[in-house]
mmCIF file of all heavy atoms, coordinates in Angstrom:
data_MODEL
# 
_entry.id   MODEL 
# 
loop_
_atom_site.group_PDB 
_atom_site.id 
_atom_site.type_symbol 
_atom_site.label_atom_id 
_atom_site.label_alt_id 
_atom_site.label_comp_id 
_atom_site.label_asym_id 
_atom_site.label_entity_id 
_atom_site.label_seq_id 
_atom_site.pdbx_PDB_ins_code 
_atom_site.Cartn_x 
_atom_site.Cartn_y 
_atom_site.Cartn_z 
_atom_site.occupancy 
_atom_site.B_iso_or_equiv 
_atom_site.pdbx_formal_charge 
_atom_site.auth_seq_id 
_atom_site.auth_comp_id 
_atom_site.auth_asym_id 
_atom_site.auth_atom_id 
_atom_site.pdbx_PDB_model_num 
ATOM 1   N N   . ALA A 1 1  ? -32.419 -121.190 -172.133 1.00 0.00 ? 1  ALA A N   1 
ATOM 2   C CA  . ALA A 1 1  ? -32.526 -122.104 -170.961 1.00 0.00 ? 1  ALA A CA  1 
ATOM 3   C C   . ALA A 1 1  ? -31.254 -121.842 -170.090 1.00 0.00 ? 1  ALA A C   1 
ATOM 4   O O   . ALA A 1 1  ? -31.303 -121.833 -168.832 1.00 0.00 ? 1  ALA A O   1 
ATOM 5   C CB  . ALA A 1 1  ? -32.623 -123.557 -171.376 1.00 0.00 ? 1  ALA A CB  1 
ATOM 6   N N   . GLY A 1 2  ? -30.112 -121.650 -170.755 1.00 0.00 ? 2  GLY A N   1 
ATOM 7   C CA  . GLY A 1 2  ? -28.814 -121.445 -170.036 1.00 0.00 ? 2  GLY A CA  1 
ATOM 8   C C   . GLY A 1 2  ? -28.925 -120.183 -169.177 1.00 0.00 ? 2  GLY A C   1 
ATOM 9   O O   . GLY A 1 2  ? -28.410 -120.186 -168.093 1.00 0.00 ? 2  GLY A O   1 
ATOM 10  N N   . VAL A 1 3  ? -29.493 -119.109 -169.753 1.00 0.00 ? 3  VAL A N   1 
ATOM 11  C CA  . VAL A 1 3  ? -29.542 -117.829 -169.000 1.00 0.00 ? 3  VAL A CA  1 
ATOM 12  C C   . VAL A 1 3  ? -30.477 -118.083 -167.812 1.00 0.00 ? 3  VAL A C   1 
ATOM 13  O O   . VAL A 1 3  ? -30.206 -117.628 -166.697 1.00 0.00 ? 3  VAL A O   1 
ATOM 14  C CB  . VAL A 1 3  ? -30.079 -116.678 -169.888 1.00 0.00 ? 3  VAL A CB  1 
ATOM 15  C CG1 . VAL A 1 3  ? -30.368 -115.505 -169.058 1.00 0.00 ? 3  VAL A CG1 1 
ATOM 16  C CG2 . VAL A 1 3  ? -29.026 -116.401 -170.970 1.00 0.00 ? 3  VAL A CG2 1 
ATOM 17  N N   . SER A 1 4  ? -31.600 -118.727 -168.030 1.00 0.00 ? 4  SER A N   1 
ATOM 18  C CA  . SER A 1 4  ? -32.497 -119.026 -166.901 1.00 0.00 ? 4  SER A CA  1 
ATOM 19  C C   . SER A 1 4  ? -31.852 -119.781 -165.822 1.00 0.00 ? 4  SER A C   1 
ATOM 20  O O   . SER A 1 4  ? -32.121 -119.593 -164.614 1.00 0.00 ? 4  SER A O   1 
ATOM 21  C CB  . SER A 1 4  ? -33.747 -119.810 -167.403 1.00 0.00 ? 4  SER A CB  1 
ATOM 22  O OG  . SER A 1 4  ? -34.467 -119.022 -168.378 1.00 0.00 ? 4  SER A OG  1 
ATOM 23  N N   . GLU A 1 5  ? -31.073 -120.799 -166.198 1.00 0.00 ? 5  GLU A N   1 
ATOM 24  C CA  . GLU A 1 5  ? -30.407 -121.582 -165.284 1.00 0.00 ? 5  GLU A CA  1 
ATOM 25  C C   . GLU A 1 5  ? -29.388 -120.742 -164.424 1.00 0.00 ? 5  GLU A C   1 
ATOM 26  O O   . GLU A 1 5  ? -29.262 -121.020 -163.173 1.00 0.00 ? 5  GLU A O   1 
ATOM 27  C CB  . GLU A 1 5  ? -29.569 -122.714 -165.883 1.00 0.00 ? 5  GLU A CB  1 
ATOM 28  C CG  . GLU A 1 5  ? -29.032 -123.756 -165.035 1.00 0.00 ? 5  GLU A CG  1 
ATOM 29  C CD  . GLU A 1 5  ? -29.957 -124.622 -164.255 1.00 0.00 ? 5  GLU A CD  1 
ATOM 30  O OE1 . GLU A 1 5  ? -31.173 -124.630 -164.583 1.00 0.00 ? 5  GLU A OE1 1 
ATOM 31  O OE2 . GLU A 1 5  ? -29.602 -125.218 -163.209 1.00 0.00 ? 5  GLU A OE2 1 
ATOM 32  N N   . TYR A 1 6  ? -28.643 -119.824 -165.107 1.00 0.00 ? 6  TYR A N   1 
ATOM 33  C CA  . TYR A 1 6  ? -27.702 -118.971 -164.350 1.00 0.00 ? 6  TYR A CA  1 
ATOM 34  C C   . TYR A 1 6  ? -28.433 -118.233 -163.257 1.00 0.00 ? 6  TYR A C   1 
ATOM 35  O O   . TYR A 1 6  ? -28.047 -118.196 -162.045 1.00 0.00 ? 6  TYR A O   1 
ATOM 36  C CB  . TYR A 1 6  ? -27.111 -117.987 -165.326 1.00 0.00 ? 6  TYR A CB  1 
ATOM 37  C CG  . TYR A 1 6  ? -25.940 -118.495 -166.070 1.00 0.00 ? 6  TYR A CG  1 
ATOM 38  C CD1 . TYR A 1 6  ? -25.841 -118.132 -167.401 1.00 0.00 ? 6  TYR A CD1 1 
ATOM 39  C CD2 . TYR A 1 6  ? -24.963 -119.299 -165.527 1.00 0.00 ? 6  TYR A CD2 1 
ATOM 40  C CE1 . TYR A 1 6  ? -24.722 -118.592 -168.203 1.00 0.00 ? 6  TYR A CE1 1 
ATOM 41  C CE2 . TYR A 1 6  ? -23.923 -119.747 -166.265 1.00 0.00 ? 6  TYR A CE2 1 
ATOM 42  C CZ  . TYR A 1 6  ? -23.748 -119.419 -167.649 1.00 0.00 ? 6  TYR A CZ  1 
ATOM 43  O OH  . TYR A 1 6  ? -22.726 -119.849 -168.337 1.00 0.00 ? 6  TYR A OH  1 
ATOM 44  N N   . PHE A 1 7  ? -29.562 -117.609 -163.563 1.00 0.00 ? 7  PHE A N   1 
ATOM 45  C CA  . PHE A 1 7  ? -30.341 -116.842 -162.645 1.00 0.00 ? 7  PHE A CA  1 
ATOM 46  C C   . PHE A 1 7  ? -30.977 -117.744 -161.528 1.00 0.00 ? 7  PHE A C   1 
ATOM 47  O O   . PHE A 1 7  ? -31.113 -117.320 -160.378 1.00 0.00 ? 7  PHE A O   1 
ATOM 48  C CB  . PHE A 1 7  ? -31.464 -115.986 -163.301 1.00 0.00 ? 7  PHE A CB  1 
ATOM 49  C CG  . PHE A 1 7  ? -30.977 -114.692 -163.868 1.00 0.00 ? 7  PHE A CG  1 
ATOM 50  C CD1 . PHE A 1 7  ? -30.646 -114.562 -165.194 1.00 0.00 ? 7  PHE A CD1 1 
ATOM 51  C CD2 . PHE A 1 7  ? -30.752 -113.566 -163.022 1.00 0.00 ? 7  PHE A CD2 1 
ATOM 52  C CE1 . PHE A 1 7  ? -30.202 -113.295 -165.771 1.00 0.00 ? 7  PHE A CE1 1 
ATOM 53  C CE2 . PHE A 1 7  ? -30.295 -112.376 -163.551 1.00 0.00 ? 7  PHE A CE2 1 
ATOM 54  C CZ  . PHE A 1 7  ? -30.062 -112.280 -164.901 1.00 0.00 ? 7  PHE A CZ  1 
ATOM 55  N N   . LEU A 1 8  ? -31.302 -118.937 -161.986 1.00 0.00 ? 8  LEU A N   1 
ATOM 56  C CA  . LEU A 1 8  ? -31.913 -119.811 -160.999 1.00 0.00 ? 8  LEU A CA  1 
ATOM 57  C C   . LEU A 1 8  ? -30.943 -120.209 -159.922 1.00 0.00 ? 8  LEU A C   1 
ATOM 58  O O   . LEU A 1 8  ? -31.274 -120.315 -158.763 1.00 0.00 ? 8  LEU A O   1 
ATOM 59  C CB  . LEU A 1 8  ? -32.404 -121.159 -161.729 1.00 0.00 ? 8  LEU A CB  1 
ATOM 60  C CG  . LEU A 1 8  ? -33.055 -122.230 -160.853 1.00 0.00 ? 8  LEU A CG  1 
ATOM 61  C CD1 . LEU A 1 8  ? -34.329 -121.777 -160.270 1.00 0.00 ? 8  LEU A CD1 1 
ATOM 62  C CD2 . LEU A 1 8  ? -33.157 -123.484 -161.751 1.00 0.00 ? 8  LEU A CD2 1 
ATOM 63  N N   . ARG A 1 9  ? -29.644 -120.444 -160.317 1.00 0.00 ? 9  ARG A N   1 
ATOM 64  C CA  . ARG A 1 9  ? -28.602 -120.918 -159.403 1.00 0.00 ? 9  ARG A CA  1 
ATOM 65  C C   . ARG A 1 9  ? -27.906 -119.783 -158.674 1.00 0.00 ? 9  ARG A C   1 
ATOM 66  O O   . ARG A 1 9  ? -27.336 -119.979 -157.604 1.00 0.00 ? 9  ARG A O   1 
ATOM 67  C CB  . ARG A 1 9  ? -27.624 -121.755 -160.194 1.00 0.00 ? 9  ARG A CB  1 
ATOM 68  C CG  . ARG A 1 9  ? -28.208 -122.941 -160.866 1.00 0.00 ? 9  ARG A CG  1 
ATOM 69  C CD  . ARG A 1 9  ? -28.742 -123.923 -159.877 1.00 0.00 ? 9  ARG A CD  1 
ATOM 70  N NE  . ARG A 1 9  ? -29.348 -125.061 -160.542 1.00 0.00 ? 9  ARG A NE  1 
ATOM 71  C CZ  . ARG A 1 9  ? -30.028 -126.045 -159.867 1.00 0.00 ? 9  ARG A CZ  1 
ATOM 72  N NH1 . ARG A 1 9  ? -30.198 -126.010 -158.629 1.00 0.00 ? 9  ARG A NH1 1 
ATOM 73  N NH2 . ARG A 1 9  ? -30.523 -127.073 -160.549 1.00 0.00 ? 9  ARG A NH2 1 
ATOM 74  N N   . GLU A 1 10 ? -27.789 -118.601 -159.323 1.00 0.00 ? 10 GLU A N   1 
ATOM 75  C CA  . GLU A 1 10 ? -26.856 -117.557 -158.841 1.00 0.00 ? 10 GLU A CA  1 
ATOM 76  C C   . GLU A 1 10 ? -27.547 -116.132 -158.633 1.00 0.00 ? 10 GLU A C   1 
ATOM 77  O O   . GLU A 1 10 ? -26.939 -115.319 -157.969 1.00 0.00 ? 10 GLU A O   1 
ATOM 78  C CB  . GLU A 1 10 ? -25.733 -117.369 -159.749 1.00 0.00 ? 10 GLU A CB  1 
ATOM 79  C CG  . GLU A 1 10 ? -24.879 -118.633 -159.973 1.00 0.00 ? 10 GLU A CG  1 
ATOM 80  C CD  . GLU A 1 10 ? -23.723 -118.469 -160.970 1.00 0.00 ? 10 GLU A CD  1 
ATOM 81  O OE1 . GLU A 1 10 ? -23.104 -117.368 -160.886 1.00 0.00 ? 10 GLU A OE1 1 
ATOM 82  O OE2 . GLU A 1 10 ? -23.456 -119.299 -161.842 1.00 0.00 ? 10 GLU A OE2 1 
ATOM 83  N N   . GLY A 1 11 ? -28.735 -115.992 -159.139 1.00 0.00 ? 11 GLY A N   1 
ATOM 84  C CA  . GLY A 1 11 ? -29.433 -114.656 -158.961 1.00 0.00 ? 11 GLY A CA  1 
ATOM 85  C C   . GLY A 1 11 ? -28.491 -113.625 -159.649 1.00 0.00 ? 11 GLY A C   1 
ATOM 86  O O   . GLY A 1 11 ? -27.967 -113.847 -160.660 1.00 0.00 ? 11 GLY A O   1 
ATOM 87  N N   . ILE A 1 12 ? -28.487 -112.485 -159.000 1.00 0.00 ? 12 ILE A N   1 
ATOM 88  C CA  . ILE A 1 12 ? -27.758 -111.309 -159.552 1.00 0.00 ? 12 ILE A CA  1 
ATOM 89  C C   . ILE A 1 12 ? -26.225 -111.613 -159.688 1.00 0.00 ? 12 ILE A C   1 
ATOM 90  O O   . ILE A 1 12 ? -25.550 -110.866 -160.588 1.00 0.00 ? 12 ILE A O   1 
ATOM 91  C CB  . ILE A 1 12 ? -27.979 -110.096 -158.642 1.00 0.00 ? 12 ILE A CB  1 
ATOM 92  C CG1 . ILE A 1 12 ? -27.499 -108.818 -159.417 1.00 0.00 ? 12 ILE A CG1 1 
ATOM 93  C CG2 . ILE A 1 12 ? -27.291 -110.204 -157.297 1.00 0.00 ? 12 ILE A CG2 1 
ATOM 94  C CD1 . ILE A 1 12 ? -28.307 -108.440 -160.626 1.00 0.00 ? 12 ILE A CD1 1 
ATOM 95  N N   . LEU A 1 13 ? -25.729 -112.573 -159.005 1.00 0.00 ? 13 LEU A N   1 
ATOM 96  C CA  . LEU A 1 13 ? -24.330 -112.865 -159.129 1.00 0.00 ? 13 LEU A CA  1 
ATOM 97  C C   . LEU A 1 13 ? -23.912 -113.365 -160.475 1.00 0.00 ? 13 LEU A C   1 
ATOM 98  O O   . LEU A 1 13 ? -22.644 -113.416 -160.776 1.00 0.00 ? 13 LEU A O   1 
ATOM 99  C CB  . LEU A 1 13 ? -23.920 -113.861 -158.024 1.00 0.00 ? 13 LEU A CB  1 
ATOM 100 C CG  . LEU A 1 13 ? -24.098 -113.491 -156.561 1.00 0.00 ? 13 LEU A CG  1 
ATOM 101 C CD1 . LEU A 1 13 ? -23.752 -114.576 -155.640 1.00 0.00 ? 13 LEU A CD1 1 
ATOM 102 C CD2 . LEU A 1 13 ? -23.309 -112.203 -156.241 1.00 0.00 ? 13 LEU A CD2 1 
ATOM 103 N N   . CYS A 1 14 ? -24.830 -113.763 -161.260 1.00 0.00 ? 14 CYS A N   1 
ATOM 104 C CA  . CYS A 1 14 ? -24.529 -114.318 -162.547 1.00 0.00 ? 14 CYS A CA  1 
ATOM 105 C C   . CYS A 1 14 ? -24.501 -113.224 -163.666 1.00 0.00 ? 14 CYS A C   1 
ATOM 106 O O   . CYS A 1 14 ? -24.253 -113.512 -164.889 1.00 0.00 ? 14 CYS A O   1 
ATOM 107 C CB  . CYS A 1 14 ? -25.612 -115.372 -163.055 1.00 0.00 ? 14 CYS A CB  1 
ATOM 108 S SG  . CYS A 1 14 ? -27.074 -114.640 -163.596 1.00 0.00 ? 14 CYS A SG  1 
ATOM 109 N N   . LEU A 1 15 ? -24.657 -112.012 -163.326 1.00 0.00 ? 15 LEU A N   1 
ATOM 110 C CA  . LEU A 1 15 ? -24.870 -110.959 -164.316 1.00 0.00 ? 15 LEU A CA  1 
ATOM 111 C C   . LEU A 1 15 ? -23.719 -110.836 -165.300 1.00 0.00 ? 15 LEU A C   1 
ATOM 112 O O   . LEU A 1 15 ? -23.952 -110.659 -166.488 1.00 0.00 ? 15 LEU A O   1 
ATOM 113 C CB  . LEU A 1 15 ? -25.147 -109.593 -163.633 1.00 0.00 ? 15 LEU A CB  1 
ATOM 114 C CG  . LEU A 1 15 ? -25.882 -108.535 -164.483 1.00 0.00 ? 15 LEU A CG  1 
ATOM 115 C CD1 . LEU A 1 15 ? -27.234 -109.143 -164.806 1.00 0.00 ? 15 LEU A CD1 1 
ATOM 116 C CD2 . LEU A 1 15 ? -26.098 -107.285 -163.707 1.00 0.00 ? 15 LEU A CD2 1 
ATOM 117 N N   . GLU A 1 16 ? -22.551 -110.899 -164.800 1.00 0.00 ? 16 GLU A N   1 
ATOM 118 C CA  . GLU A 1 16 ? -21.398 -110.826 -165.765 1.00 0.00 ? 16 GLU A CA  1 
ATOM 119 C C   . GLU A 1 16 ? -21.320 -111.933 -166.740 1.00 0.00 ? 16 GLU A C   1 
ATOM 120 O O   . GLU A 1 16 ? -20.976 -111.735 -167.907 1.00 0.00 ? 16 GLU A O   1 
ATOM 121 C CB  . GLU A 1 16 ? -20.095 -110.649 -164.973 1.00 0.00 ? 16 GLU A CB  1 
ATOM 122 C CG  . GLU A 1 16 ? -19.914 -109.305 -164.308 1.00 0.00 ? 16 GLU A CG  1 
ATOM 123 C CD  . GLU A 1 16 ? -18.526 -109.143 -163.792 1.00 0.00 ? 16 GLU A CD  1 
ATOM 124 O OE1 . GLU A 1 16 ? -17.652 -109.888 -164.077 1.00 0.00 ? 16 GLU A OE1 1 
ATOM 125 O OE2 . GLU A 1 16 ? -18.331 -108.161 -162.994 1.00 0.00 ? 16 GLU A OE2 1 
ATOM 126 N N   . LYS A 1 17 ? -21.786 -113.100 -166.272 1.00 0.00 ? 17 LYS A N   1 
ATOM 127 C CA  . LYS A 1 17 ? -21.786 -114.254 -167.200 1.00 0.00 ? 17 LYS A CA  1 
ATOM 128 C C   . LYS A 1 17 ? -22.870 -113.971 -168.302 1.00 0.00 ? 17 LYS A C   1 
ATOM 129 O O   . LYS A 1 17 ? -22.667 -114.275 -169.488 1.00 0.00 ? 17 LYS A O   1 
ATOM 130 C CB  . LYS A 1 17 ? -22.111 -115.561 -166.479 1.00 0.00 ? 17 LYS A CB  1 
ATOM 131 C CG  . LYS A 1 17 ? -21.134 -115.975 -165.520 1.00 0.00 ? 17 LYS A CG  1 
ATOM 132 C CD  . LYS A 1 17 ? -21.536 -117.212 -164.866 1.00 0.00 ? 17 LYS A CD  1 
ATOM 133 C CE  . LYS A 1 17 ? -20.521 -117.666 -163.783 1.00 0.00 ? 17 LYS A CE  1 
ATOM 134 N NZ  . LYS A 1 17 ? -21.047 -118.870 -162.962 1.00 0.00 ? 17 LYS A NZ  1 
ATOM 135 N N   . VAL A 1 18 ? -24.004 -113.340 -167.920 1.00 0.00 ? 18 VAL A N   1 
ATOM 136 C CA  . VAL A 1 18 ? -25.111 -113.187 -168.827 1.00 0.00 ? 18 VAL A CA  1 
ATOM 137 C C   . VAL A 1 18 ? -24.795 -112.057 -169.787 1.00 0.00 ? 18 VAL A C   1 
ATOM 138 O O   . VAL A 1 18 ? -25.188 -112.161 -170.979 1.00 0.00 ? 18 VAL A O   1 
ATOM 139 C CB  . VAL A 1 18 ? -26.421 -112.874 -168.029 1.00 0.00 ? 18 VAL A CB  1 
ATOM 140 C CG1 . VAL A 1 18 ? -27.565 -112.490 -168.962 1.00 0.00 ? 18 VAL A CG1 1 
ATOM 141 C CG2 . VAL A 1 18 ? -26.775 -114.099 -167.245 1.00 0.00 ? 18 VAL A CG2 1 
ATOM 142 N N   . THR A 1 19 ? -24.212 -110.951 -169.319 1.00 0.00 ? 19 THR A N   1 
ATOM 143 C CA  . THR A 1 19 ? -23.997 -109.831 -170.129 1.00 0.00 ? 19 THR A CA  1 
ATOM 144 C C   . THR A 1 19 ? -22.658 -109.843 -170.871 1.00 0.00 ? 19 THR A C   1 
ATOM 145 O O   . THR A 1 19 ? -22.375 -108.918 -171.697 1.00 0.00 ? 19 THR A O   1 
ATOM 146 C CB  . THR A 1 19 ? -24.049 -108.510 -169.255 1.00 0.00 ? 19 THR A CB  1 
ATOM 147 O OG1 . THR A 1 19 ? -23.048 -108.558 -168.284 1.00 0.00 ? 19 THR A OG1 1 
ATOM 148 C CG2 . THR A 1 19 ? -25.429 -108.390 -168.599 1.00 0.00 ? 19 THR A CG2 1 
ATOM 149 N N   . GLY A 1 20 ? -21.896 -110.770 -170.646 1.00 0.00 ? 20 GLY A N   1 
ATOM 150 C CA  . GLY A 1 20 ? -20.492 -110.830 -171.181 1.00 0.00 ? 20 GLY A CA  1 
ATOM 151 C C   . GLY A 1 20 ? -20.411 -110.815 -172.650 1.00 0.00 ? 20 GLY A C   1 
ATOM 152 O O   . GLY A 1 20 ? -19.364 -110.389 -173.233 1.00 0.00 ? 20 GLY A O   1 
ATOM 153 N N   . ARG A 1 21 ? -21.451 -111.274 -173.412 1.00 0.00 ? 21 ARG A N   1 
ATOM 154 C CA  . ARG A 1 21 ? -21.439 -111.325 -174.849 1.00 0.00 ? 21 ARG A CA  1 
ATOM 155 C C   . ARG A 1 21 ? -22.125 -110.214 -175.493 1.00 0.00 ? 21 ARG A C   1 
ATOM 156 O O   . ARG A 1 21 ? -22.271 -110.139 -176.684 1.00 0.00 ? 21 ARG A O   1 
ATOM 157 C CB  . ARG A 1 21 ? -22.063 -112.669 -175.234 1.00 0.00 ? 21 ARG A CB  1 
ATOM 158 C CG  . ARG A 1 21 ? -21.270 -113.887 -174.957 1.00 0.00 ? 21 ARG A CG  1 
ATOM 159 C CD  . ARG A 1 21 ? -21.765 -115.065 -175.732 1.00 0.00 ? 21 ARG A CD  1 
ATOM 160 N NE  . ARG A 1 21 ? -21.726 -114.935 -177.197 1.00 0.00 ? 21 ARG A NE  1 
ATOM 161 C CZ  . ARG A 1 21 ? -22.435 -115.484 -178.011 1.00 0.00 ? 21 ARG A CZ  1 
ATOM 162 N NH1 . ARG A 1 21 ? -23.403 -116.282 -177.632 1.00 0.00 ? 21 ARG A NH1 1 
ATOM 163 N NH2 . ARG A 1 21 ? -22.311 -115.257 -179.322 1.00 0.00 ? 21 ARG A NH2 1 
ATOM 164 N N   . ILE A 1 22 ? -22.610 -109.177 -174.724 1.00 0.00 ? 22 ILE A N   1 
ATOM 165 C CA  . ILE A 1 22 ? -23.447 -108.189 -175.346 1.00 0.00 ? 22 ILE A CA  1 
ATOM 166 C C   . ILE A 1 22 ? -22.640 -107.412 -176.420 1.00 0.00 ? 22 ILE A C   1 
ATOM 167 O O   . ILE A 1 22 ? -23.173 -107.179 -177.496 1.00 0.00 ? 22 ILE A O   1 
ATOM 168 C CB  . ILE A 1 22 ? -23.937 -107.248 -174.251 1.00 0.00 ? 22 ILE A CB  1 
ATOM 169 C CG1 . ILE A 1 22 ? -25.033 -107.924 -173.481 1.00 0.00 ? 22 ILE A CG1 1 
ATOM 170 C CG2 . ILE A 1 22 ? -24.554 -105.954 -174.904 1.00 0.00 ? 22 ILE A CG2 1 
ATOM 171 C CD1 . ILE A 1 22 ? -25.663 -107.103 -172.388 1.00 0.00 ? 22 ILE A CD1 1 
ATOM 172 N N   . SER A 1 23 ? -21.415 -107.027 -176.081 1.00 0.00 ? 23 SER A N   1 
ATOM 173 C CA  . SER A 1 23 ? -20.624 -106.295 -177.085 1.00 0.00 ? 23 SER A CA  1 
ATOM 174 C C   . SER A 1 23 ? -20.427 -107.145 -178.332 1.00 0.00 ? 23 SER A C   1 
ATOM 175 O O   . SER A 1 23 ? -20.500 -106.621 -179.537 1.00 0.00 ? 23 SER A O   1 
ATOM 176 C CB  . SER A 1 23 ? -19.254 -105.901 -176.456 1.00 0.00 ? 23 SER A CB  1 
ATOM 177 O OG  . SER A 1 23 ? -19.509 -104.955 -175.433 1.00 0.00 ? 23 SER A OG  1 
ATOM 178 N N   . GLU A 1 24 ? -20.106 -108.424 -178.160 1.00 0.00 ? 24 GLU A N   1 
ATOM 179 C CA  . GLU A 1 24 ? -19.876 -109.317 -179.296 1.00 0.00 ? 24 GLU A CA  1 
ATOM 180 C C   . GLU A 1 24 ? -21.181 -109.401 -180.181 1.00 0.00 ? 24 GLU A C   1 
ATOM 181 O O   . GLU A 1 24 ? -21.041 -109.369 -181.394 1.00 0.00 ? 24 GLU A O   1 
ATOM 182 C CB  . GLU A 1 24 ? -19.494 -110.700 -178.753 1.00 0.00 ? 24 GLU A CB  1 
ATOM 183 C CG  . GLU A 1 24 ? -19.335 -111.743 -179.793 1.00 0.00 ? 24 GLU A CG  1 
ATOM 184 C CD  . GLU A 1 24 ? -19.135 -113.098 -179.243 1.00 0.00 ? 24 GLU A CD  1 
ATOM 185 O OE1 . GLU A 1 24 ? -18.750 -113.215 -178.047 1.00 0.00 ? 24 GLU A OE1 1 
ATOM 186 O OE2 . GLU A 1 24 ? -19.340 -114.114 -179.970 1.00 0.00 ? 24 GLU A OE2 1 
ATOM 187 N N   . VAL A 1 25 ? -22.256 -109.557 -179.521 1.00 0.00 ? 25 VAL A N   1 
ATOM 188 C CA  . VAL A 1 25 ? -23.572 -109.700 -180.264 1.00 0.00 ? 25 VAL A CA  1 
ATOM 189 C C   . VAL A 1 25 ? -23.800 -108.369 -180.977 1.00 0.00 ? 25 VAL A C   1 
ATOM 190 O O   . VAL A 1 25 ? -24.353 -108.359 -182.108 1.00 0.00 ? 25 VAL A O   1 
ATOM 191 C CB  . VAL A 1 25 ? -24.635 -110.092 -179.295 1.00 0.00 ? 25 VAL A CB  1 
ATOM 192 C CG1 . VAL A 1 25 ? -26.044 -110.091 -180.070 1.00 0.00 ? 25 VAL A CG1 1 
ATOM 193 C CG2 . VAL A 1 25 ? -24.357 -111.544 -178.733 1.00 0.00 ? 25 VAL A CG2 1 
ATOM 194 N N   . ARG A 1 26 ? -23.672 -107.221 -180.329 1.00 0.00 ? 26 ARG A N   1 
ATOM 195 C CA  . ARG A 1 26 ? -23.884 -105.912 -180.966 1.00 0.00 ? 26 ARG A CA  1 
ATOM 196 C C   . ARG A 1 26 ? -23.008 -105.710 -182.271 1.00 0.00 ? 26 ARG A C   1 
ATOM 197 O O   . ARG A 1 26 ? -23.481 -105.289 -183.248 1.00 0.00 ? 26 ARG A O   1 
ATOM 198 C CB  . ARG A 1 26 ? -23.591 -104.797 -179.951 1.00 0.00 ? 26 ARG A CB  1 
ATOM 199 C CG  . ARG A 1 26 ? -24.183 -103.438 -180.396 1.00 0.00 ? 26 ARG A CG  1 
ATOM 200 C CD  . ARG A 1 26 ? -23.739 -102.332 -179.394 1.00 0.00 ? 26 ARG A CD  1 
ATOM 201 N NE  . ARG A 1 26 ? -24.049 -102.608 -178.064 1.00 0.00 ? 26 ARG A NE  1 
ATOM 202 C CZ  . ARG A 1 26 ? -25.252 -102.358 -177.525 1.00 0.00 ? 26 ARG A CZ  1 
ATOM 203 N NH1 . ARG A 1 26 ? -26.201 -101.924 -178.237 1.00 0.00 ? 26 ARG A NH1 1 
ATOM 204 N NH2 . ARG A 1 26 ? -25.444 -102.672 -176.215 1.00 0.00 ? 26 ARG A NH2 1 
ATOM 205 N N   . GLN A 1 27 ? -21.791 -106.181 -182.099 1.00 0.00 ? 27 GLN A N   1 
ATOM 206 C CA  . GLN A 1 27 ? -20.825 -106.078 -183.243 1.00 0.00 ? 27 GLN A CA  1 
ATOM 207 C C   . GLN A 1 27 ? -21.351 -106.950 -184.368 1.00 0.00 ? 27 GLN A C   1 
ATOM 208 O O   . GLN A 1 27 ? -21.319 -106.618 -185.577 1.00 0.00 ? 27 GLN A O   1 
ATOM 209 C CB  . GLN A 1 27 ? -19.442 -106.485 -182.876 1.00 0.00 ? 27 GLN A CB  1 
ATOM 210 C CG  . GLN A 1 27 ? -18.426 -106.390 -184.038 1.00 0.00 ? 27 GLN A CG  1 
ATOM 211 C CD  . GLN A 1 27 ? -18.274 -105.052 -184.536 1.00 0.00 ? 27 GLN A CD  1 
ATOM 212 O OE1 . GLN A 1 27 ? -18.240 -103.987 -183.798 1.00 0.00 ? 27 GLN A OE1 1 
ATOM 213 N NE2 . GLN A 1 27 ? -18.075 -104.896 -185.834 1.00 0.00 ? 27 GLN A NE2 1 
ATOM 214 N N   . ALA A 1 28 ? -21.831 -108.204 -184.042 1.00 0.00 ? 28 ALA A N   1 
ATOM 215 C CA  . ALA A 1 28 ? -22.292 -109.126 -185.056 1.00 0.00 ? 28 ALA A CA  1 
ATOM 216 C C   . ALA A 1 28 ? -23.567 -108.554 -185.738 1.00 0.00 ? 28 ALA A C   1 
ATOM 217 O O   . ALA A 1 28 ? -23.673 -108.665 -186.937 1.00 0.00 ? 28 ALA A O   1 
ATOM 218 C CB  . ALA A 1 28 ? -22.645 -110.535 -184.417 1.00 0.00 ? 28 ALA A CB  1 
# 
């Protein structure tokens, strides 16, 4: 829901917030 809210409020401008944890999740 948090990701959906980011896109709802900011559109493409939220991308760094959404993708910021990808490396962390990949490592985990």
